[in-house]
Structures are given as C-alpha cells and as structure tokens.
PDB file of all heavy atoms in Angstrom:
ATOM      1  N   GLU A   1    -158.062  48.728 -37.959  1.00  0.00           N
ATOM      2  CA  GLU A   1    -157.886  48.811 -39.408  1.00  0.00           C
ATOM      3  C   GLU A   1    -156.470  48.473 -39.873  1.00  0.00           C
ATOM      4  O   GLU A   1    -156.273  48.089 -41.020  1.00  0.00           O
ATOM      5  CB  GLU A   1    -158.273  50.212 -39.905  1.00  0.00           C
ATOM      6  CG  GLU A   1    -159.749  50.536 -39.810  1.00  0.00           C
ATOM      7  CD  GLU A   1    -160.148  51.133 -38.471  1.00  0.00           C
ATOM      8  OE1 GLU A   1    -159.299  51.170 -37.556  1.00  0.00           O
ATOM      9  OE2 GLU A   1    -161.309  51.559 -38.340  1.00  0.00           O
ATOM     10  N   GLY A   2    -155.484  48.614 -38.999  1.00  0.00           N
ATOM     11  CA  GLY A   2    -154.114  48.349 -39.383  1.00  0.00           C
ATOM     12  C   GLY A   2    -153.701  46.893 -39.275  1.00  0.00           C
ATOM     13  O   GLY A   2    -152.541  46.560 -39.546  1.00  0.00           O
ATOM     14  N   LEU A   3    -154.604  46.003 -38.910  1.00  0.00           N
ATOM     15  CA  LEU A   3    -154.259  44.600 -38.748  1.00  0.00           C
ATOM     16  C   LEU A   3    -154.260  43.865 -40.082  1.00  0.00           C
ATOM     17  O   LEU A   3    -154.906  44.283 -41.042  1.00  0.00           O
ATOM     18  CB  LEU A   3    -155.231  43.924 -37.778  1.00  0.00           C
ATOM     19  CG  LEU A   3    -155.172  44.431 -36.338  1.00  0.00           C
ATOM     20  CD1 LEU A   3    -156.227  43.730 -35.483  1.00  0.00           C
ATOM     21  CD2 LEU A   3    -153.780  44.231 -35.737  1.00  0.00           C
ATOM     22  N   ALA A   4    -153.575  42.747 -40.128  1.00  0.00           N
ATOM     23  CA  ALA A   4    -153.563  41.904 -41.317  1.00  0.00           C
ATOM     24  C   ALA A   4    -154.912  41.202 -41.464  1.00  0.00           C
ATOM     25  O   ALA A   4    -155.633  40.982 -40.490  1.00  0.00           O
ATOM     26  CB  ALA A   4    -152.447  40.875 -41.219  1.00  0.00           C
ATOM     27  N   GLY A   5    -155.263  40.883 -42.711  1.00  0.00           N
ATOM     28  CA  GLY A   5    -156.536  40.240 -42.992  1.00  0.00           C
ATOM     29  C   GLY A   5    -157.699  41.200 -43.101  1.00  0.00           C
ATOM     30  O   GLY A   5    -158.831  40.796 -43.375  1.00  0.00           O
ATOM     31  N   ILE A   6    -157.428  42.483 -42.906  1.00  0.00           N
ATOM     32  CA  ILE A   6    -158.463  43.526 -42.898  1.00  0.00           C
ATOM     33  C   ILE A   6    -158.292  44.406 -44.130  1.00  0.00           C
ATOM     34  O   ILE A   6    -157.195  44.894 -44.394  1.00  0.00           O
ATOM     35  CB  ILE A   6    -158.344  44.391 -41.625  1.00  0.00           C
ATOM     36  CG1 ILE A   6    -158.391  43.527 -40.354  1.00  0.00           C
ATOM     37  CG2 ILE A   6    -159.403  45.477 -41.606  1.00  0.00           C
ATOM     38  CD1 ILE A   6    -159.643  42.723 -40.183  1.00  0.00           C
ATOM     39  N   THR A   7    -159.378  44.622 -44.879  1.00  0.00           N
ATOM     40  CA  THR A   7    -159.300  45.528 -46.029  1.00  0.00           C
ATOM     41  C   THR A   7    -160.472  46.492 -46.132  1.00  0.00           C
ATOM     42  O   THR A   7    -160.360  47.513 -46.806  1.00  0.00           O
ATOM     43  CB  THR A   7    -159.220  44.747 -47.360  1.00  0.00           C
ATOM     44  OG1 THR A   7    -160.367  43.886 -47.460  1.00  0.00           O
ATOM     45  CG2 THR A   7    -157.939  43.944 -47.458  1.00  0.00           C
ATOM     46  N   ASN A   8    -161.606  46.198 -45.503  1.00  0.00           N
ATOM     47  CA  ASN A   8    -162.765  47.092 -45.670  1.00  0.00           C
ATOM     48  C   ASN A   8    -163.550  47.206 -44.373  1.00  0.00           C
ATOM     49  O   ASN A   8    -163.306  46.490 -43.397  1.00  0.00           O
ATOM     50  CB  ASN A   8    -163.657  46.619 -46.829  1.00  0.00           C
ATOM     51  CG  ASN A   8    -164.249  45.248 -46.568  1.00  0.00           C
ATOM     52  OD1 ASN A   8    -165.113  45.095 -45.712  1.00  0.00           O
ATOM     53  ND2 ASN A   8    -163.789  44.237 -47.299  1.00  0.00           N
ATOM     54  N   TRP A   9    -164.519  48.120 -44.369  1.00  0.00           N
ATOM     55  CA  TRP A   9    -165.226  48.468 -43.136  1.00  0.00           C
ATOM     56  C   TRP A   9    -166.035  47.305 -42.590  1.00  0.00           C
ATOM     57  O   TRP A   9    -166.207  47.183 -41.366  1.00  0.00           O
ATOM     58  CB  TRP A   9    -166.118  49.688 -43.375  1.00  0.00           C
ATOM     59  CG  TRP A   9    -165.350  50.866 -43.864  1.00  0.00           C
ATOM     60  CD1 TRP A   9    -165.421  51.434 -45.104  1.00  0.00           C
ATOM     61  CD2 TRP A   9    -164.348  51.614 -43.151  1.00  0.00           C
ATOM     62  NE1 TRP A   9    -164.535  52.479 -45.197  1.00  0.00           N
ATOM     63  CE2 TRP A   9    -163.870  52.623 -44.023  1.00  0.00           C
ATOM     64  CE3 TRP A   9    -163.812  51.530 -41.866  1.00  0.00           C
ATOM     65  CZ2 TRP A   9    -162.878  53.526 -43.650  1.00  0.00           C
ATOM     66  CZ3 TRP A   9    -162.826  52.425 -41.491  1.00  0.00           C
ATOM     67  CH2 TRP A   9    -162.375  53.413 -42.372  1.00  0.00           C
ATOM     68  N   ASN A  10    -166.551  46.422 -43.438  1.00  0.00           N
ATOM     69  CA  ASN A  10    -167.294  45.273 -42.942  1.00  0.00           C
ATOM     70  C   ASN A  10    -166.421  44.360 -42.084  1.00  0.00           C
ATOM     71  O   ASN A  10    -166.914  43.700 -41.166  1.00  0.00           O
ATOM     72  CB  ASN A  10    -167.879  44.462 -44.102  1.00  0.00           C
ATOM     73  CG  ASN A  10    -169.063  45.144 -44.743  1.00  0.00           C
ATOM     74  OD1 ASN A  10    -169.723  45.985 -44.128  1.00  0.00           O
ATOM     75  ND2 ASN A  10    -169.348  44.809 -45.991  1.00  0.00           N
ATOM     76  N   ASP A  11    -165.123  44.332 -42.376  1.00  0.00           N
ATOM     77  CA  ASP A  11    -164.201  43.485 -41.614  1.00  0.00           C
ATOM     78  C   ASP A  11    -164.079  43.909 -40.162  1.00  0.00           C
ATOM     79  O   ASP A  11    -163.688  43.106 -39.304  1.00  0.00           O
ATOM     80  CB  ASP A  11    -162.798  43.528 -42.247  1.00  0.00           C
ATOM     81  CG  ASP A  11    -162.750  42.899 -43.622  1.00  0.00           C
ATOM     82  OD1 ASP A  11    -163.657  42.108 -43.957  1.00  0.00           O
ATOM     83  OD2 ASP A  11    -161.798  43.200 -44.373  1.00  0.00           O
ATOM     84  N   VAL A  12    -164.367  45.184 -39.873  1.00  0.00           N
ATOM     85  CA  VAL A  12    -164.152  45.718 -38.523  1.00  0.00           C
ATOM     86  C   VAL A  12    -165.451  46.174 -37.859  1.00  0.00           C
ATOM     87  O   VAL A  12    -165.423  46.838 -36.817  1.00  0.00           O
ATOM     88  CB  VAL A  12    -163.137  46.887 -38.554  1.00  0.00           C
ATOM     89  CG1 VAL A  12    -161.805  46.407 -39.093  1.00  0.00           C
ATOM     90  CG2 VAL A  12    -163.644  48.056 -39.405  1.00  0.00           C
ATOM     91  N   ASP A  13    -166.581  45.791 -38.444  1.00  0.00           N
ATOM     92  CA  ASP A  13    -167.895  46.177 -37.933  1.00  0.00           C
ATOM     93  C   ASP A  13    -168.547  44.982 -37.253  1.00  0.00           C
ATOM     94  O   ASP A  13    -168.844  43.974 -37.893  1.00  0.00           O
ATOM     95  CB  ASP A  13    -168.768  46.674 -39.083  1.00  0.00           C
ATOM     96  CG  ASP A  13    -170.138  47.154 -38.630  1.00  0.00           C
ATOM     97  OD1 ASP A  13    -170.454  47.023 -37.430  1.00  0.00           O
ATOM     98  OD2 ASP A  13    -170.893  47.649 -39.485  1.00  0.00           O
ATOM     99  N   LYS A  14    -168.769  45.073 -35.955  1.00  0.00           N
ATOM    100  CA  LYS A  14    -169.336  43.960 -35.204  1.00  0.00           C
ATOM    101  C   LYS A  14    -170.695  43.503 -35.743  1.00  0.00           C
ATOM    102  O   LYS A  14    -171.074  42.342 -35.585  1.00  0.00           O
ATOM    103  CB  LYS A  14    -169.504  44.343 -33.734  1.00  0.00           C
ATOM    104  CG  LYS A  14    -168.237  44.277 -32.907  1.00  0.00           C
ATOM    105  CD  LYS A  14    -168.543  44.442 -31.434  1.00  0.00           C
ATOM    106  CE  LYS A  14    -169.287  43.248 -30.879  1.00  0.00           C
ATOM    107  NZ  LYS A  14    -169.472  43.354 -29.398  1.00  0.00           N
ATOM    108  N   LYS A  15    -171.421  44.421 -36.373  1.00  0.00           N
ATOM    109  CA  LYS A  15    -172.745  44.080 -36.878  1.00  0.00           C
ATOM    110  C   LYS A  15    -172.705  43.378 -38.230  1.00  0.00           C
ATOM    111  O   LYS A  15    -173.732  42.909 -38.722  1.00  0.00           O
ATOM    112  CB  LYS A  15    -173.590  45.356 -36.987  1.00  0.00           C
ATOM    113  CG  LYS A  15    -173.816  46.052 -35.655  1.00  0.00           C
ATOM    114  CD  LYS A  15    -174.576  47.358 -35.839  1.00  0.00           C
ATOM    115  CE  LYS A  15    -174.748  48.075 -34.506  1.00  0.00           C
ATOM    116  NZ  LYS A  15    -175.444  49.389 -34.661  1.00  0.00           N
ATOM    117  N   SER A  16    -171.522  43.298 -38.820  1.00  0.00           N
ATOM    118  CA  SER A  16    -171.386  42.700 -40.145  1.00  0.00           C
ATOM    119  C   SER A  16    -171.112  41.197 -40.045  1.00  0.00           C
ATOM    120  O   SER A  16    -170.388  40.742 -39.145  1.00  0.00           O
ATOM    121  CB  SER A  16    -170.246  43.375 -40.910  1.00  0.00           C
ATOM    122  OG  SER A  16    -169.911  42.643 -42.063  1.00  0.00           O
ATOM    123  N   SER A  17    -171.638  40.446 -40.991  1.00  0.00           N
ATOM    124  CA  SER A  17    -171.363  39.007 -41.033  1.00  0.00           C
ATOM    125  C   SER A  17    -169.915  38.735 -41.421  1.00  0.00           C
ATOM    126  O   SER A  17    -169.417  37.622 -41.238  1.00  0.00           O
ATOM    127  CB  SER A  17    -172.306  38.314 -42.020  1.00  0.00           C
ATOM    128  OG  SER A  17    -172.139  38.855 -43.331  1.00  0.00           O
ATOM    129  N   ASP A  18    -169.228  39.750 -41.979  1.00  0.00           N
ATOM    130  CA  ASP A  18    -167.824  39.608 -42.371  1.00  0.00           C
ATOM    131  C   ASP A  18    -166.850  40.027 -41.274  1.00  0.00           C
ATOM    132  O   ASP A  18    -165.645  40.075 -41.511  1.00  0.00           O
ATOM    133  CB  ASP A  18    -167.541  40.451 -43.625  1.00  0.00           C
ATOM    134  CG  ASP A  18    -168.291  39.951 -44.844  1.00  0.00           C
ATOM    135  OD1 ASP A  18    -168.500  38.730 -44.937  1.00  0.00           O
ATOM    136  OD2 ASP A  18    -168.669  40.779 -45.696  1.00  0.00           O
ATOM    137  N   TYR A  19    -167.362  40.356 -40.088  1.00  0.00           N
ATOM    138  CA  TYR A  19    -166.520  40.840 -38.982  1.00  0.00           C
ATOM    139  C   TYR A  19    -165.393  39.854 -38.697  1.00  0.00           C
ATOM    140  O   TYR A  19    -165.622  38.664 -38.468  1.00  0.00           O
ATOM    141  CB  TYR A  19    -167.403  41.034 -37.750  1.00  0.00           C
ATOM    142  CG  TYR A  19    -166.711  41.583 -36.532  1.00  0.00           C
ATOM    143  CD1 TYR A  19    -166.071  42.811 -36.564  1.00  0.00           C
ATOM    144  CD2 TYR A  19    -166.730  40.875 -35.329  1.00  0.00           C
ATOM    145  CE1 TYR A  19    -165.464  43.327 -35.421  1.00  0.00           C
ATOM    146  CE2 TYR A  19    -166.134  41.392 -34.179  1.00  0.00           C
ATOM    147  CZ  TYR A  19    -165.490  42.616 -34.236  1.00  0.00           C
ATOM    148  OH  TYR A  19    -164.890  43.122 -33.115  1.00  0.00           O
ATOM    149  N   LYS A  20    -164.153  40.341 -38.704  1.00  0.00           N
ATOM    150  CA  LYS A  20    -162.974  39.481 -38.607  1.00  0.00           C
ATOM    151  C   LYS A  20    -162.449  39.406 -37.160  1.00  0.00           C
ATOM    152  O   LYS A  20    -161.293  39.716 -36.886  1.00  0.00           O
ATOM    153  CB  LYS A  20    -161.884  40.000 -39.547  1.00  0.00           C
ATOM    154  CG  LYS A  20    -162.284  40.072 -41.015  1.00  0.00           C
ATOM    155  CD  LYS A  20    -162.417  38.701 -41.632  1.00  0.00           C
ATOM    156  CE  LYS A  20    -162.816  38.767 -43.095  1.00  0.00           C
ATOM    157  NZ  LYS A  20    -161.806  39.388 -43.944  1.00  0.00           N
ATOM    158  N   LYS A  21    -163.296  38.960 -36.262  1.00  0.00           N
ATOM    159  CA  LYS A  21    -162.928  38.895 -34.848  1.00  0.00           C
ATOM    160  C   LYS A  21    -161.783  37.920 -34.605  1.00  0.00           C
ATOM    161  O   LYS A  21    -160.827  38.229 -33.885  1.00  0.00           O
ATOM    162  CB  LYS A  21    -164.142  38.491 -34.017  1.00  0.00           C
ATOM    163  CG  LYS A  21    -163.853  38.299 -32.533  1.00  0.00           C
ATOM    164  CD  LYS A  21    -165.110  37.861 -31.797  1.00  0.00           C
ATOM    165  CE  LYS A  21    -164.821  37.563 -30.335  1.00  0.00           C
ATOM    166  NZ  LYS A  21    -166.045  37.130 -29.616  1.00  0.00           N
ATOM    167  N   GLU A  22    -161.869  36.729 -35.183  1.00  0.00           N
ATOM    168  CA  GLU A  22    -160.851  35.712 -34.910  1.00  0.00           C
ATOM    169  C   GLU A  22    -159.494  36.108 -35.477  1.00  0.00           C
ATOM    170  O   GLU A  22    -158.454  35.831 -34.866  1.00  0.00           O
ATOM    171  CB  GLU A  22    -161.302  34.357 -35.447  1.00  0.00           C
ATOM    172  CG  GLU A  22    -162.467  33.760 -34.682  1.00  0.00           C
ATOM    173  CD  GLU A  22    -162.250  33.730 -33.172  1.00  0.00           C
ATOM    174  OE1 GLU A  22    -161.151  33.331 -32.742  1.00  0.00           O
ATOM    175  OE2 GLU A  22    -163.177  34.107 -32.428  1.00  0.00           O
ATOM    176  N   GLU A  23    -159.479  36.756 -36.644  1.00  0.00           N
ATOM    177  CA  GLU A  23    -158.217  37.224 -37.211  1.00  0.00           C
ATOM    178  C   GLU A  23    -157.562  38.252 -36.293  1.00  0.00           C
ATOM    179  O   GLU A  23    -156.350  38.243 -36.076  1.00  0.00           O
ATOM    180  CB  GLU A  23    -158.447  37.829 -38.601  1.00  0.00           C
ATOM    181  CG  GLU A  23    -158.685  36.816 -39.697  1.00  0.00           C
ATOM    182  CD  GLU A  23    -160.131  36.350 -39.777  1.00  0.00           C
ATOM    183  OE1 GLU A  23    -160.904  36.571 -38.808  1.00  0.00           O
ATOM    184  OE2 GLU A  23    -160.500  35.748 -40.796  1.00  0.00           O
ATOM    185  N   MET A  24    -158.394  39.143 -35.738  1.00  0.00           N
ATOM    186  CA  MET A  24    -157.888  40.147 -34.802  1.00  0.00           C
ATOM    187  C   MET A  24    -157.317  39.486 -33.548  1.00  0.00           C
ATOM    188  O   MET A  24    -156.212  39.797 -33.096  1.00  0.00           O
ATOM    189  CB  MET A  24    -159.007  41.123 -34.440  1.00  0.00           C
ATOM    190  CG  MET A  24    -158.657  42.129 -33.356  1.00  0.00           C
ATOM    191  SD  MET A  24    -159.073  41.567 -31.661  1.00  0.00           S
ATOM    192  CE  MET A  24    -160.861  41.664 -31.689  1.00  0.00           C
ATOM    193  N   LEU A  25    -158.060  38.547 -32.980  1.00  0.00           N
ATOM    194  CA  LEU A  25    -157.650  37.928 -31.726  1.00  0.00           C
ATOM    195  C   LEU A  25    -156.382  37.102 -31.888  1.00  0.00           C
ATOM    196  O   LEU A  25    -155.547  37.054 -30.977  1.00  0.00           O
ATOM    197  CB  LEU A  25    -158.787  37.061 -31.174  1.00  0.00           C
ATOM    198  CG  LEU A  25    -159.941  37.833 -30.518  1.00  0.00           C
ATOM    199  CD1 LEU A  25    -161.065  36.876 -30.136  1.00  0.00           C
ATOM    200  CD2 LEU A  25    -159.453  38.591 -29.293  1.00  0.00           C
ATOM    201  N   ARG A  26    -156.205  36.449 -33.030  1.00  0.00           N
ATOM    202  CA  ARG A  26    -154.969  35.689 -33.240  1.00  0.00           C
ATOM    203  C   ARG A  26    -153.752  36.602 -33.190  1.00  0.00           C
ATOM    204  O   ARG A  26    -152.721  36.267 -32.600  1.00  0.00           O
ATOM    205  CB  ARG A  26    -155.011  34.955 -34.587  1.00  0.00           C
ATOM    206  CG  ARG A  26    -155.805  33.672 -34.554  1.00  0.00           C
ATOM    207  CD  ARG A  26    -155.423  32.761 -35.686  1.00  0.00           C
ATOM    208  NE  ARG A  26    -155.853  33.282 -36.982  1.00  0.00           N
ATOM    209  CZ  ARG A  26    -155.671  32.629 -38.128  1.00  0.00           C
ATOM    210  NH1 ARG A  26    -155.060  31.457 -38.136  1.00  0.00           N
ATOM    211  NH2 ARG A  26    -156.105  33.144 -39.268  1.00  0.00           N
ATOM    212  N   GLN A  27    -153.865  37.775 -33.823  1.00  0.00           N
ATOM    213  CA  GLN A  27    -152.745  38.712 -33.835  1.00  0.00           C
ATOM    214  C   GLN A  27    -152.511  39.308 -32.457  1.00  0.00           C
ATOM    215  O   GLN A  27    -151.369  39.452 -31.995  1.00  0.00           O
ATOM    216  CB  GLN A  27    -152.999  39.800 -34.880  1.00  0.00           C
ATOM    217  CG  GLN A  27    -152.986  39.250 -36.302  1.00  0.00           C
ATOM    218  CD  GLN A  27    -153.489  40.238 -37.335  1.00  0.00           C
ATOM    219  OE1 GLN A  27    -152.826  41.234 -37.619  1.00  0.00           O
ATOM    220  NE2 GLN A  27    -154.661  39.971 -37.905  1.00  0.00           N
ATOM    221  N   LEU A  28    -153.587  39.662 -31.765  1.00  0.00           N
ATOM    222  CA  LEU A  28    -153.459  40.237 -30.428  1.00  0.00           C
ATOM    223  C   LEU A  28    -152.875  39.216 -29.450  1.00  0.00           C
ATOM    224  O   LEU A  28    -152.003  39.546 -28.637  1.00  0.00           O
ATOM    225  CB  LEU A  28    -154.825  40.725 -29.950  1.00  0.00           C
ATOM    226  CG  LEU A  28    -154.867  41.436 -28.601  1.00  0.00           C
ATOM    227  CD1 LEU A  28    -153.925  42.633 -28.566  1.00  0.00           C
ATOM    228  CD2 LEU A  28    -156.301  41.862 -28.274  1.00  0.00           C
ATOM    229  N   ARG A  29    -153.337  37.972 -29.519  1.00  0.00           N
ATOM    230  CA  ARG A  29    -152.812  36.932 -28.628  1.00  0.00           C
ATOM    231  C   ARG A  29    -151.311  36.729 -28.839  1.00  0.00           C
ATOM    232  O   ARG A  29    -150.556  36.564 -27.874  1.00  0.00           O
ATOM    233  CB  ARG A  29    -153.547  35.615 -28.875  1.00  0.00           C
ATOM    234  CG  ARG A  29    -154.922  35.517 -28.243  1.00  0.00           C
ATOM    235  CD  ARG A  29    -155.442  34.089 -28.317  1.00  0.00           C
ATOM    236  NE  ARG A  29    -156.710  33.936 -27.623  1.00  0.00           N
ATOM    237  CZ  ARG A  29    -157.891  33.885 -28.233  1.00  0.00           C
ATOM    238  NH1 ARG A  29    -157.962  33.980 -29.561  1.00  0.00           N
ATOM    239  NH2 ARG A  29    -158.998  33.756 -27.526  1.00  0.00           N
ATOM    240  N   ALA A  30    -150.879  36.707 -30.093  1.00  0.00           N
ATOM    241  CA  ALA A  30    -149.453  36.501 -30.374  1.00  0.00           C
ATOM    242  C   ALA A  30    -148.625  37.600 -29.728  1.00  0.00           C
ATOM    243  O   ALA A  30    -147.572  37.333 -29.127  1.00  0.00           O
ATOM    244  CB  ALA A  30    -149.220  36.462 -31.884  1.00  0.00           C
ATOM    245  N   PHE A  31    -149.086  38.833 -29.827  1.00  0.00           N
ATOM    246  CA  PHE A  31    -148.353  39.950 -29.236  1.00  0.00           C
ATOM    247  C   PHE A  31    -148.353  39.853 -27.710  1.00  0.00           C
ATOM    248  O   PHE A  31    -147.322  40.056 -27.064  1.00  0.00           O
ATOM    249  CB  PHE A  31    -148.972  41.265 -29.697  1.00  0.00           C
ATOM    250  CG  PHE A  31    -148.099  42.464 -29.449  1.00  0.00           C
ATOM    251  CD1 PHE A  31    -147.025  42.746 -30.280  1.00  0.00           C
ATOM    252  CD2 PHE A  31    -148.351  43.305 -28.385  1.00  0.00           C
ATOM    253  CE1 PHE A  31    -146.217  43.849 -30.046  1.00  0.00           C
ATOM    254  CE2 PHE A  31    -147.553  44.412 -28.146  1.00  0.00           C
ATOM    255  CZ  PHE A  31    -146.475  44.679 -28.975  1.00  0.00           C
ATOM    256  N   LEU A  32    -149.497  39.531 -27.131  1.00  0.00           N
ATOM    257  CA  LEU A  32    -149.586  39.436 -25.673  1.00  0.00           C
ATOM    258  C   LEU A  32    -148.729  38.286 -25.139  1.00  0.00           C
ATOM    259  O   LEU A  32    -148.178  38.387 -24.037  1.00  0.00           O
ATOM    260  CB  LEU A  32    -151.042  39.273 -25.242  1.00  0.00           C
ATOM    261  CG  LEU A  32    -151.948  40.489 -25.457  1.00  0.00           C
ATOM    262  CD1 LEU A  32    -153.390  40.159 -25.090  1.00  0.00           C
ATOM    263  CD2 LEU A  32    -151.460  41.695 -24.672  1.00  0.00           C
ATOM    264  N   ARG A  33    -148.607  37.204 -25.888  1.00  0.00           N
ATOM    265  CA  ARG A  33    -147.724  36.114 -25.457  1.00  0.00           C
ATOM    266  C   ARG A  33    -146.292  36.610 -25.296  1.00  0.00           C
ATOM    267  O   ARG A  33    -145.576  36.233 -24.364  1.00  0.00           O
ATOM    268  CB  ARG A  33    -147.766  34.956 -26.461  1.00  0.00           C
ATOM    269  CG  ARG A  33    -148.987  34.063 -26.341  1.00  0.00           C
ATOM    270  CD  ARG A  33    -148.795  32.749 -27.073  1.00  0.00           C
ATOM    271  NE  ARG A  33    -148.580  32.922 -28.500  1.00  0.00           N
ATOM    272  CZ  ARG A  33    -149.544  32.963 -29.413  1.00  0.00           C
ATOM    273  NH1 ARG A  33    -150.817  32.839 -29.036  1.00  0.00           N
ATOM    274  NH2 ARG A  33    -149.262  33.100 -30.688  1.00  0.00           N
ATOM    275  N   GLY A  34    -145.879  37.468 -26.207  1.00  0.00           N
ATOM    276  CA  GLY A  34    -144.532  38.015 -26.131  1.00  0.00           C
ATOM    277  C   GLY A  34    -144.323  38.976 -24.984  1.00  0.00           C
ATOM    278  O   GLY A  34    -143.181  39.258 -24.609  1.00  0.00           O
ATOM    279  N   LEU A  35    -145.410  39.479 -24.410  1.00  0.00           N
ATOM    280  CA  LEU A  35    -145.324  40.411 -23.283  1.00  0.00           C
ATOM    281  C   LEU A  35    -145.546  39.722 -21.945  1.00  0.00           C
ATOM    282  O   LEU A  35    -145.764  40.390 -20.926  1.00  0.00           O
ATOM    283  CB  LEU A  35    -146.350  41.537 -23.456  1.00  0.00           C
ATOM    284  CG  LEU A  35    -146.142  42.480 -24.640  1.00  0.00           C
ATOM    285  CD1 LEU A  35    -147.244  43.536 -24.684  1.00  0.00           C
ATOM    286  CD2 LEU A  35    -144.770  43.155 -24.588  1.00  0.00           C
ATOM    287  N   ASP A  36    -145.491  38.400 -21.938  1.00  0.00           N
ATOM    288  CA  ASP A  36    -145.688  37.648 -20.698  1.00  0.00           C
ATOM    289  C   ASP A  36    -144.743  38.164 -19.606  1.00  0.00           C
ATOM    290  O   ASP A  36    -143.564  38.402 -19.854  1.00  0.00           O
ATOM    291  CB  ASP A  36    -145.417  36.165 -20.952  1.00  0.00           C
ATOM    292  CG  ASP A  36    -145.667  35.316 -19.728  1.00  0.00           C
ATOM    293  OD1 ASP A  36    -146.622  35.604 -18.996  1.00  0.00           O
ATOM    294  OD2 ASP A  36    -144.872  34.386 -19.498  1.00  0.00           O
ATOM    295  N   GLY A  37    -145.289  38.366 -18.427  1.00  0.00           N
ATOM    296  CA  GLY A  37    -144.481  38.843 -17.306  1.00  0.00           C
ATOM    297  C   GLY A  37    -144.555  40.340 -17.077  1.00  0.00           C
ATOM    298  O   GLY A  37    -144.021  40.849 -16.083  1.00  0.00           O
TER     299      GLY A  37
END
C-alpha cells in the first residue's frame, strides 16, 4: 500500500483487473538493483 501508483484496494488485490503488479515490480527491481552484491 505504501508504493507509488497505488491509491485503493483494487490496486493491490490480485483478483482485481486493476491490480498494479507491474508498477510494484518496477519499484522493487529498482531497489534490488541498488542492493547488488
């Protein structure tokens, strides 16, 4: 819920057509890139 691009429960519900999986993964990938090593 604390990620950018997220405002309501449908955004974080896998069963919803509005599920924001790609927005979540972009943010997570950026952080993990910085933790390389």
